[in-house]
Amino acid sequence: MIYALIAESMHHAIHLRDLLTLLAATRWEEIDPLYHARVMLHGDGPFTDSLEKRLRSQRAVPRQVQNVAALGTQLRQWSPQLLIFADWGSQLAATLQESQEQLLHCGTAVMALGPEGDEEAMIALDAGVNVYVGTPASEALVLAQATALLRHGHAWEQMAIDIPGILRVDPESRRVYIFDKELHLTKRLFHLFHYMAQQSERAFSPTEIAQHLTMSKRQVQQNTVAAQIHRLRKRMEEVDASSWLQTVHGFGYRLSIPRAK
């Protein structure tokens, strides 16, 4: 009898520990914009390597790109939420300006770390950098700036989409038209559809979808994502576009928008 009570107590203790761990992780996901954020680092050197490790410790998903010529390709393929130039120089301004369309398409915020002084800062800001941090700078300051950019720098939310005869998304009026028929969506589903539509053909994990369904206000558990996707698909059936929203088995979901002919 005593052994049975001890075993039962241990079972409840383990269950409580697991529950507290899950709640703590959920709260972290809810309040930390760095959680699972895709951060592209351009630079080469000990500070870049150290910053990458620090980002991983915050559960971000960093990726280094050292070849500036590959920057545009990497932006298209990976669609990062934040791009950090860890060793900014004015020679990078032209490359950044050339990448503006892709950065806006992905909703990517940009930070540059470079020499102190107004001249370098103004060149960077004119080229499209959102935040310029003079070096030397601590990793703590860089992470704080990154967090602020990810929390507030959602340029994609203001971006319209217009594919004649196929899809039109107007963020100002929050209206969506598919095949010239209006798709009526709730605020939350509009937010999700708009985000996925700007990255057509990319697969989204349930974790990422859950983060965007929160709209930085309320927590959405991952196990409700399937229900939200089901609601979105049902709405899209009304405009003959349910086939656009695809399940990527073993990973998540994809929005595949037909190309204009």
C-alpha atoms as a PDB file:
ATOM      1  CA  MET A   1       0.000   0.000   0.000  1.00  0.00           C
ATOM      2  CA  ILE A   2       2.789   2.430   0.964  1.00  0.00           C
ATOM      3  CA  TYR A   3       4.749   1.614  -2.203  1.00  0.00           C
ATOM      4  CA  ALA A   4       1.611   2.207  -4.282  1.00  0.00           C
ATOM      5  CA  LEU A   5       1.094   5.643  -2.690  1.00  0.00           C
ATOM      6  CA  ILE A   6       4.745   6.566  -3.246  1.00  0.00           C
ATOM      7  CA  ALA A   7       4.554   5.471  -6.888  1.00  0.00           C
ATOM      8  CA  GLU A   8       1.363   7.469  -7.414  1.00  0.00           C
ATOM      9  CA  SER A   9       2.915  10.564  -5.785  1.00  0.00           C
ATOM     10  CA  MET A  10       5.985  10.285  -8.008  1.00  0.00           C
ATOM     11  CA  HIS A  11       3.756   9.960 -11.080  1.00  0.00           C
ATOM     12  CA  HIS A  12       1.883  13.153 -10.160  1.00  0.00           C
ATOM     13  CA  ALA A  13       5.152  14.961  -9.428  1.00  0.00           C
ATOM     14  CA  ILE A  14       6.587  14.048 -12.829  1.00  0.00           C
ATOM     15  CA  HIS A  15       3.336  15.077 -14.516  1.00  0.00           C
ATOM     16  CA  LEU A  16       3.400  18.438 -12.676  1.00  0.00           C
ATOM     17  CA  ARG A  17       7.045  19.004 -13.615  1.00  0.00           C
ATOM     18  CA  ASP A  18       6.312  18.323 -17.295  1.00  0.00           C
ATOM     19  CA  LEU A  19       3.273  20.614 -17.178  1.00  0.00           C
ATOM     20  CA  LEU A  20       5.271  23.458 -15.619  1.00  0.00           C
ATOM     21  CA  THR A  21       8.017  23.011 -18.220  1.00  0.00           C
ATOM     22  CA  LEU A  22       5.442  23.167 -21.025  1.00  0.00           C
ATOM     23  CA  LEU A  23       3.816  26.276 -19.558  1.00  0.00           C
ATOM     24  CA  ALA A  24       7.177  27.999 -19.177  1.00  0.00           C
ATOM     25  CA  ALA A  25       8.135  27.198 -22.769  1.00  0.00           C
ATOM     26  CA  THR A  26       4.752  28.378 -24.031  1.00  0.00           C
ATOM     27  CA  ARG A  27       5.064  31.680 -22.187  1.00  0.00           C
ATOM     28  CA  TRP A  28       8.556  32.169 -23.619  1.00  0.00           C
ATOM     29  CA  GLU A  29       7.316  31.530 -27.171  1.00  0.00           C
ATOM     30  CA  GLU A  30       4.540  34.051 -26.587  1.00  0.00           C
ATOM     31  CA  ILE A  31       6.667  36.968 -25.363  1.00  0.00           C
ATOM     32  CA  ASP A  32      10.076  36.481 -27.044  1.00  0.00           C
ATOM     33  CA  PRO A  33      10.120  37.634 -30.697  1.00  0.00           C
ATOM     34  CA  LEU A  34      13.482  35.901 -31.184  1.00  0.00           C
ATOM     35  CA  TYR A  35      11.935  32.463 -30.621  1.00  0.00           C
ATOM     36  CA  HIS A  36      12.268  30.576 -33.943  1.00  0.00           C
ATOM     37  CA  ALA A  37      12.969  33.868 -35.753  1.00  0.00           C
ATOM     38  CA  ARG A  38      15.021  33.454 -38.943  1.00  0.00           C
ATOM     39  CA  VAL A  39      18.012  35.809 -38.632  1.00  0.00           C
ATOM     40  CA  MET A  40      20.487  36.173 -41.483  1.00  0.00           C
ATOM     41  CA  LEU A  41      23.977  37.370 -40.515  1.00  0.00           C
ATOM     42  CA  HIS A  42      26.268  38.950 -43.079  1.00  0.00           C
ATOM     43  CA  GLY A  43      29.839  39.149 -41.869  1.00  0.00           C
ATOM     44  CA  ASP A  44      32.958  37.184 -41.126  1.00  0.00           C
ATOM     45  CA  GLY A  45      34.899  37.051 -37.903  1.00  0.00           C
ATOM     46  CA  PRO A  46      34.813  36.144 -34.209  1.00  0.00           C
ATOM     47  CA  PHE A  47      32.037  38.609 -33.347  1.00  0.00           C
ATOM     48  CA  THR A  48      29.727  37.206 -36.050  1.00  0.00           C
ATOM     49  CA  ASP A  49      30.410  33.653 -34.876  1.00  0.00           C
ATOM     50  CA  SER A  50      29.770  34.623 -31.261  1.00  0.00           C
ATOM     51  CA  LEU A  51      26.581  36.479 -32.175  1.00  0.00           C
ATOM     52  CA  GLU A  52      25.330  33.427 -34.061  1.00  0.00           C
ATOM     53  CA  LYS A  53      25.862  31.257 -30.965  1.00  0.00           C
ATOM     54  CA  ARG A  54      24.103  33.815 -28.768  1.00  0.00           C
ATOM     55  CA  LEU A  55      21.122  33.888 -31.127  1.00  0.00           C
ATOM     56  CA  ARG A  56      20.913  30.092 -31.033  1.00  0.00           C
ATOM     57  CA  SER A  57      20.917  30.224 -27.242  1.00  0.00           C
ATOM     58  CA  GLN A  58      17.848  32.483 -27.525  1.00  0.00           C
ATOM     59  CA  ARG A  59      16.284  29.805 -29.765  1.00  0.00           C
ATOM     60  CA  ALA A  60      16.462  31.957 -32.862  1.00  0.00           C
ATOM     61  CA  VAL A  61      17.425  30.331 -36.180  1.00  0.00           C
ATOM     62  CA  PRO A  62      20.499  32.219 -37.460  1.00  0.00           C
ATOM     63  CA  ARG A  63      22.282  31.663 -40.748  1.00  0.00           C
ATOM     64  CA  GLN A  64      25.570  33.241 -41.889  1.00  0.00           C
ATOM     65  CA  VAL A  65      26.071  34.554 -45.423  1.00  0.00           C
ATOM     66  CA  GLN A  66      29.615  35.698 -46.113  1.00  0.00           C
ATOM     67  CA  ASN A  67      29.411  36.157 -49.876  1.00  0.00           C
ATOM     68  CA  VAL A  68      27.634  39.422 -50.619  1.00  0.00           C
ATOM     69  CA  ALA A  69      26.915  38.243 -54.171  1.00  0.00           C
ATOM     70  CA  ALA A  70      24.788  35.420 -52.721  1.00  0.00           C
ATOM     71  CA  LEU A  71      22.743  37.737 -50.518  1.00  0.00           C
ATOM     72  CA  GLY A  72      19.846  38.228 -52.951  1.00  0.00           C
ATOM     73  CA  THR A  73      19.563  34.504 -53.635  1.00  0.00           C
ATOM     74  CA  GLN A  74      19.617  33.662 -49.936  1.00  0.00           C
ATOM     75  CA  LEU A  75      16.910  36.254 -49.232  1.00  0.00           C
ATOM     76  CA  ARG A  76      14.644  34.726 -51.875  1.00  0.00           C
ATOM     77  CA  GLN A  77      15.225  31.167 -50.736  1.00  0.00           C
ATOM     78  CA  TRP A  78      15.067  31.658 -46.967  1.00  0.00           C
ATOM     79  CA  SER A  79      12.906  34.767 -46.387  1.00  0.00           C
ATOM     80  CA  PRO A  80      14.532  35.855 -43.084  1.00  0.00           C
ATOM     81  CA  GLN A  81      12.667  38.037 -40.628  1.00  0.00           C
ATOM     82  CA  LEU A  82      15.817  39.976 -39.771  1.00  0.00           C
ATOM     83  CA  LEU A  83      19.033  40.711 -41.673  1.00  0.00           C
ATOM     84  CA  ILE A  84      22.052  41.864 -39.648  1.00  0.00           C
ATOM     85  CA  PHE A  85      25.131  43.330 -41.318  1.00  0.00           C
ATOM     86  CA  ALA A  86      27.645  42.497 -38.591  1.00  0.00           C
ATOM     87  CA  ASP A  87      30.472  44.460 -40.272  1.00  0.00           C
ATOM     88  CA  TRP A  88      28.834  47.318 -42.183  1.00  0.00           C
ATOM     89  CA  GLY A  89      30.793  49.332 -44.707  1.00  0.00           C
ATOM     90  CA  SER A  90      29.575  51.922 -47.213  1.00  0.00           C
ATOM     91  CA  GLN A  91      30.482  49.499 -50.031  1.00  0.00           C
ATOM     92  CA  LEU A  92      27.446  47.424 -48.981  1.00  0.00           C
ATOM     93  CA  ALA A  93      24.994  50.255 -49.654  1.00  0.00           C
ATOM     94  CA  ALA A  94      24.530  49.418 -53.350  1.00  0.00           C
ATOM     95  CA  THR A  95      23.902  45.739 -52.580  1.00  0.00           C
ATOM     96  CA  LEU A  96      21.312  46.638 -49.950  1.00  0.00           C
ATOM     97  CA  GLN A  97      19.517  49.034 -52.279  1.00  0.00           C
ATOM     98  CA  GLU A  98      19.375  46.347 -54.965  1.00  0.00           C
ATOM     99  CA  SER A  99      17.769  43.990 -52.455  1.00  0.00           C
ATOM    100  CA  GLN A 100      15.036  46.408 -51.304  1.00  0.00           C
ATOM    101  CA  GLU A 101      12.239  44.804 -53.320  1.00  0.00           C
ATOM    102  CA  GLN A 102      13.040  41.354 -51.939  1.00  0.00           C
ATOM    103  CA  LEU A 103      13.389  42.684 -48.392  1.00  0.00           C
ATOM    104  CA  LEU A 104       9.969  44.332 -48.600  1.00  0.00           C
ATOM    105  CA  HIS A 105       8.469  41.211 -50.119  1.00  0.00           C
ATOM    106  CA  CYS A 106       9.711  39.127 -47.187  1.00  0.00           C
ATOM    107  CA  GLY A 107       8.989  41.784 -44.566  1.00  0.00           C
ATOM    108  CA  THR A 108      12.649  41.621 -43.522  1.00  0.00           C
ATOM    109  CA  ALA A 109      13.928  44.206 -41.047  1.00  0.00           C
ATOM    110  CA  VAL A 110      17.573  45.298 -41.412  1.00  0.00           C
ATOM    111  CA  MET A 111      20.190  46.165 -38.768  1.00  0.00           C
ATOM    112  CA  ALA A 112      23.743  47.305 -39.445  1.00  0.00           C
ATOM    113  CA  LEU A 113      26.702  47.296 -37.071  1.00  0.00           C
ATOM    114  CA  GLY A 114      29.431  49.646 -38.189  1.00  0.00           C
ATOM    115  CA  PRO A 115      31.858  52.456 -37.326  1.00  0.00           C
ATOM    116  CA  GLU A 116      30.698  55.264 -35.056  1.00  0.00           C
ATOM    117  CA  GLY A 117      29.913  58.505 -36.848  1.00  0.00           C
ATOM    118  CA  ASP A 118      27.048  60.288 -38.573  1.00  0.00           C
ATOM    119  CA  GLU A 119      28.391  59.807 -42.093  1.00  0.00           C
ATOM    120  CA  GLU A 120      28.409  55.989 -42.047  1.00  0.00           C
ATOM    121  CA  ALA A 121      25.095  55.897 -40.212  1.00  0.00           C
ATOM    122  CA  MET A 122      23.423  58.195 -42.772  1.00  0.00           C
ATOM    123  CA  ILE A 123      24.731  56.114 -45.703  1.00  0.00           C
ATOM    124  CA  ALA A 124      23.333  52.966 -44.090  1.00  0.00           C
ATOM    125  CA  LEU A 125      19.955  54.513 -43.292  1.00  0.00           C
ATOM    126  CA  ASP A 126      19.650  56.002 -46.789  1.00  0.00           C
ATOM    127  CA  ALA A 127      20.381  52.545 -48.233  1.00  0.00           C
ATOM    128  CA  GLY A 128      17.459  50.994 -46.320  1.00  0.00           C
ATOM    129  CA  VAL A 129      18.835  50.005 -42.902  1.00  0.00           C
ATOM    130  CA  ASN A 130      16.202  50.258 -40.148  1.00  0.00           C
ATOM    131  CA  VAL A 131      18.617  50.494 -37.206  1.00  0.00           C
ATOM    132  CA  TYR A 132      22.297  51.437 -37.195  1.00  0.00           C
ATOM    133  CA  VAL A 133      24.433  50.472 -34.168  1.00  0.00           C
ATOM    134  CA  GLY A 134      27.869  51.974 -33.757  1.00  0.00           C
ATOM    135  CA  THR A 135      30.682  49.569 -32.913  1.00  0.00           C
ATOM    136  CA  PRO A 136      32.076  48.315 -30.692  1.00  0.00           C
ATOM    137  CA  ALA A 137      28.705  47.143 -29.371  1.00  0.00           C
ATOM    138  CA  SER A 138      27.864  44.446 -26.862  1.00  0.00           C
ATOM    139  CA  GLU A 139      25.963  41.335 -27.854  1.00  0.00           C
ATOM    140  CA  ALA A 140      23.320  42.285 -25.286  1.00  0.00           C
ATOM    141  CA  LEU A 141      22.676  45.597 -27.077  1.00  0.00           C
ATOM    142  CA  VAL A 142      22.503  43.888 -30.467  1.00  0.00           C
ATOM    143  CA  LEU A 143      20.008  41.317 -29.170  1.00  0.00           C
ATOM    144  CA  ALA A 144      17.893  44.070 -27.589  1.00  0.00           C
ATOM    145  CA  GLN A 145      17.760  45.947 -30.891  1.00  0.00           C
ATOM    146  CA  ALA A 146      16.964  42.730 -32.759  1.00  0.00           C
ATOM    147  CA  THR A 147      14.108  41.993 -30.369  1.00  0.00           C
ATOM    148  CA  ALA A 148      12.680  45.485 -30.826  1.00  0.00           C
ATOM    149  CA  LEU A 149      12.861  45.226 -34.621  1.00  0.00           C
ATOM    150  CA  LEU A 150      11.158  41.837 -34.665  1.00  0.00           C
ATOM    151  CA  ARG A 151       8.441  43.063 -32.328  1.00  0.00           C
ATOM    152  CA  HIS A 152       7.658  46.264 -34.239  1.00  0.00           C
ATOM    153  CA  GLY A 153       9.183  45.975 -37.702  1.00  0.00           C
ATOM    154  CA  HIS A 154       6.445  44.223 -39.677  1.00  0.00           C
ATOM    155  CA  ALA A 155       6.784  46.028 -43.017  1.00  0.00           C
ATOM    156  CA  TRP A 156       5.006  43.164 -44.783  1.00  0.00           C
ATOM    157  CA  GLU A 157       1.733  44.063 -43.044  1.00  0.00           C
ATOM    158  CA  GLN A 158       1.423  47.243 -45.152  1.00  0.00           C
ATOM    159  CA  MET A 159       2.320  45.566 -48.446  1.00  0.00           C
ATOM    160  CA  ALA A 160      -0.411  45.078 -51.051  1.00  0.00           C
ATOM    161  CA  ILE A 161      -0.468  42.088 -53.397  1.00  0.00           C
ATOM    162  CA  ASP A 162      -1.854  42.390 -56.922  1.00  0.00           C
ATOM    163  CA  ILE A 163      -1.749  39.503 -59.404  1.00  0.00           C
ATOM    164  CA  PRO A 164      -4.267  40.557 -62.075  1.00  0.00           C
ATOM    165  CA  GLY A 165      -7.233  38.209 -62.326  1.00  0.00           C
ATOM    166  CA  ILE A 166      -5.849  35.866 -59.664  1.00  0.00           C
ATOM    167  CA  LEU A 167      -5.238  37.557 -56.311  1.00  0.00           C
ATOM    168  CA  ARG A 168      -5.541  41.011 -54.809  1.00  0.00           C
ATOM    169  CA  VAL A 169      -4.849  41.767 -51.144  1.00  0.00           C
ATOM    170  CA  ASP A 170      -5.468  45.299 -49.841  1.00  0.00           C
ATOM    171  CA  PRO A 171      -4.080  45.665 -46.290  1.00  0.00           C
ATOM    172  CA  GLU A 172      -5.639  49.121 -45.797  1.00  0.00           C
ATOM    173  CA  SER A 173      -9.203  47.884 -46.305  1.00  0.00           C
ATOM    174  CA  ARG A 174      -8.377  44.315 -45.157  1.00  0.00           C
ATOM    175  CA  ARG A 175     -10.021  42.884 -48.268  1.00  0.00           C
ATOM    176  CA  VAL A 176      -8.963  39.886 -50.347  1.00  0.00           C
ATOM    177  CA  TYR A 177     -10.124  39.069 -53.878  1.00  0.00           C
ATOM    178  CA  ILE A 178      -9.441  35.733 -55.560  1.00  0.00           C
ATOM    179  CA  PHE A 179     -10.477  35.337 -59.201  1.00  0.00           C
ATOM    180  CA  ASP A 180     -12.206  38.738 -58.725  1.00  0.00           C
ATOM    181  CA  LYS A 181     -14.449  37.286 -55.982  1.00  0.00           C
ATOM    182  CA  GLU A 182     -14.146  38.660 -52.458  1.00  0.00           C
ATOM    183  CA  LEU A 183     -12.782  36.273 -49.841  1.00  0.00           C
ATOM    184  CA  HIS A 184     -14.328  37.200 -46.477  1.00  0.00           C
ATOM    185  CA  LEU A 185     -11.884  36.581 -43.627  1.00  0.00           C
ATOM    186  CA  THR A 186     -11.718  37.363 -39.936  1.00  0.00           C
ATOM    187  CA  LYS A 187      -8.939  39.705 -38.812  1.00  0.00           C
ATOM    188  CA  ARG A 188      -6.816  36.786 -37.624  1.00  0.00           C
ATOM    189  CA  LEU A 189      -7.267  34.715 -40.797  1.00  0.00           C
ATOM    190  CA  PHE A 190      -6.588  37.780 -42.957  1.00  0.00           C
ATOM    191  CA  HIS A 191      -3.326  38.285 -41.053  1.00  0.00           C
ATOM    192  CA  LEU A 192      -2.307  34.666 -41.691  1.00  0.00           C
ATOM    193  CA  PHE A 193      -3.379  34.594 -45.347  1.00  0.00           C
ATOM    194  CA  HIS A 194      -1.574  37.871 -46.082  1.00  0.00           C
ATOM    195  CA  TYR A 195       1.642  36.589 -44.504  1.00  0.00           C
ATOM    196  CA  MET A 196       1.583  33.261 -46.358  1.00  0.00           C
ATOM    197  CA  ALA A 197       0.591  34.871 -49.675  1.00  0.00           C
ATOM    198  CA  GLN A 198       3.725  37.018 -49.689  1.00  0.00           C
ATOM    199  CA  GLN A 199       5.842  33.862 -49.524  1.00  0.00           C
ATOM    200  CA  SER A 200       4.003  31.595 -51.933  1.00  0.00           C
ATOM    201  CA  GLU A 201       5.414  28.057 -52.232  1.00  0.00           C
ATOM    202  CA  ARG A 202       7.257  28.253 -48.891  1.00  0.00           C
ATOM    203  CA  ALA A 203       6.347  25.643 -46.278  1.00  0.00           C
ATOM    204  CA  PHE A 204       5.339  27.007 -42.863  1.00  0.00           C
ATOM    205  CA  SER A 205       5.655  25.005 -39.658  1.00  0.00           C
ATOM    206  CA  PRO A 206       2.788  24.971 -37.103  1.00  0.00           C
ATOM    207  CA  THR A 207       5.060  26.871 -34.680  1.00  0.00           C
ATOM    208  CA  GLU A 208       5.545  29.754 -37.112  1.00  0.00           C
ATOM    209  CA  ILE A 209       1.840  29.839 -37.989  1.00  0.00           C
ATOM    210  CA  ALA A 210       0.947  29.887 -34.292  1.00  0.00           C
ATOM    211  CA  GLN A 211       3.221  32.870 -33.741  1.00  0.00           C
ATOM    212  CA  HIS A 212       1.567  34.848 -36.538  1.00  0.00           C
ATOM    213  CA  LEU A 213      -1.937  33.956 -35.422  1.00  0.00           C
ATOM    214  CA  THR A 214      -1.160  35.551 -32.039  1.00  0.00           C
ATOM    215  CA  MET A 215      -0.654  38.981 -33.645  1.00  0.00           C
ATOM    216  CA  SER A 216       1.449  39.716 -30.512  1.00  0.00           C
ATOM    217  CA  LYS A 217      -1.641  39.783 -28.279  1.00  0.00           C
ATOM    218  CA  ARG A 218      -3.042  36.399 -27.386  1.00  0.00           C
ATOM    219  CA  GLN A 219      -1.418  33.031 -27.235  1.00  0.00           C
ATOM    220  CA  VAL A 220      -2.423  30.424 -29.820  1.00  0.00           C
ATOM    221  CA  GLN A 221      -1.495  26.838 -29.045  1.00  0.00           C
ATOM    222  CA  GLN A 222      -0.001  24.811 -31.872  1.00  0.00           C
ATOM    223  CA  ASN A 223      -2.773  22.246 -31.620  1.00  0.00           C
ATOM    224  CA  THR A 224      -5.287  24.899 -32.719  1.00  0.00           C
ATOM    225  CA  VAL A 225      -3.384  25.660 -35.924  1.00  0.00           C
ATOM    226  CA  ALA A 226      -5.018  22.774 -37.800  1.00  0.00           C
ATOM    227  CA  ALA A 227      -8.442  24.141 -36.881  1.00  0.00           C
ATOM    228  CA  GLN A 228      -7.505  27.625 -38.129  1.00  0.00           C
ATOM    229  CA  ILE A 229      -6.123  26.207 -41.376  1.00  0.00           C
ATOM    230  CA  HIS A 230      -9.355  24.205 -41.782  1.00  0.00           C
ATOM    231  CA  ARG A 231     -11.414  27.400 -41.376  1.00  0.00           C
ATOM    232  CA  LEU A 232      -9.244  29.233 -43.905  1.00  0.00           C
ATOM    233  CA  ARG A 233      -9.528  26.377 -46.403  1.00  0.00           C
ATOM    234  CA  LYS A 234     -13.326  26.298 -46.014  1.00  0.00           C
ATOM    235  CA  ARG A 235     -13.487  30.030 -46.746  1.00  0.00           C
ATOM    236  CA  MET A 236     -11.274  29.557 -49.783  1.00  0.00           C
ATOM    237  CA  GLU A 237     -13.634  26.879 -51.093  1.00  0.00           C
ATOM    238  CA  GLU A 238     -16.212  29.647 -51.562  1.00  0.00           C
ATOM    239  CA  VAL A 239     -13.976  31.273 -54.199  1.00  0.00           C
ATOM    240  CA  ASP A 240     -12.769  27.988 -55.770  1.00  0.00           C
ATOM    241  CA  ALA A 241      -9.264  28.286 -54.312  1.00  0.00           C
ATOM    242  CA  SER A 242      -9.131  25.643 -51.579  1.00  0.00           C
ATOM    243  CA  SER A 243      -6.482  23.728 -53.567  1.00  0.00           C
ATOM    244  CA  TRP A 244      -4.075  26.639 -53.024  1.00  0.00           C
ATOM    245  CA  LEU A 245      -3.751  25.777 -49.321  1.00  0.00           C
ATOM    246  CA  GLN A 246      -1.767  22.558 -49.145  1.00  0.00           C
ATOM    247  CA  THR A 247      -0.688  20.269 -46.306  1.00  0.00           C
ATOM    248  CA  VAL A 248       3.038  19.500 -46.282  1.00  0.00           C
ATOM    249  CA  HIS A 249       2.983  16.094 -44.600  1.00  0.00           C
ATOM    250  CA  GLY A 250       5.338  15.810 -41.662  1.00  0.00           C
ATOM    251  CA  PHE A 251       6.062  19.550 -41.585  1.00  0.00           C
ATOM    252  CA  GLY A 252       3.181  22.030 -41.932  1.00  0.00           C
ATOM    253  CA  TYR A 253       1.368  23.973 -44.643  1.00  0.00           C
ATOM    254  CA  ARG A 254       1.988  25.837 -47.898  1.00  0.00           C
ATOM    255  CA  LEU A 255       0.048  28.442 -49.875  1.00  0.00           C
ATOM    256  CA  SER A 256       0.628  27.862 -53.589  1.00  0.00           C
ATOM    257  CA  ILE A 257      -0.661  30.762 -55.703  1.00  0.00           C
ATOM    258  CA  PRO A 258      -1.041  30.163 -59.476  1.00  0.00           C
ATOM    259  CA  ARG A 259       1.126  32.288 -61.719  1.00  0.00           C
ATOM    260  CA  ALA A 260      -0.417  34.884 -64.018  1.00  0.00           C
ATOM    261  CA  LYS A 261      -0.571  33.676 -67.630  1.00  0.00           C
END
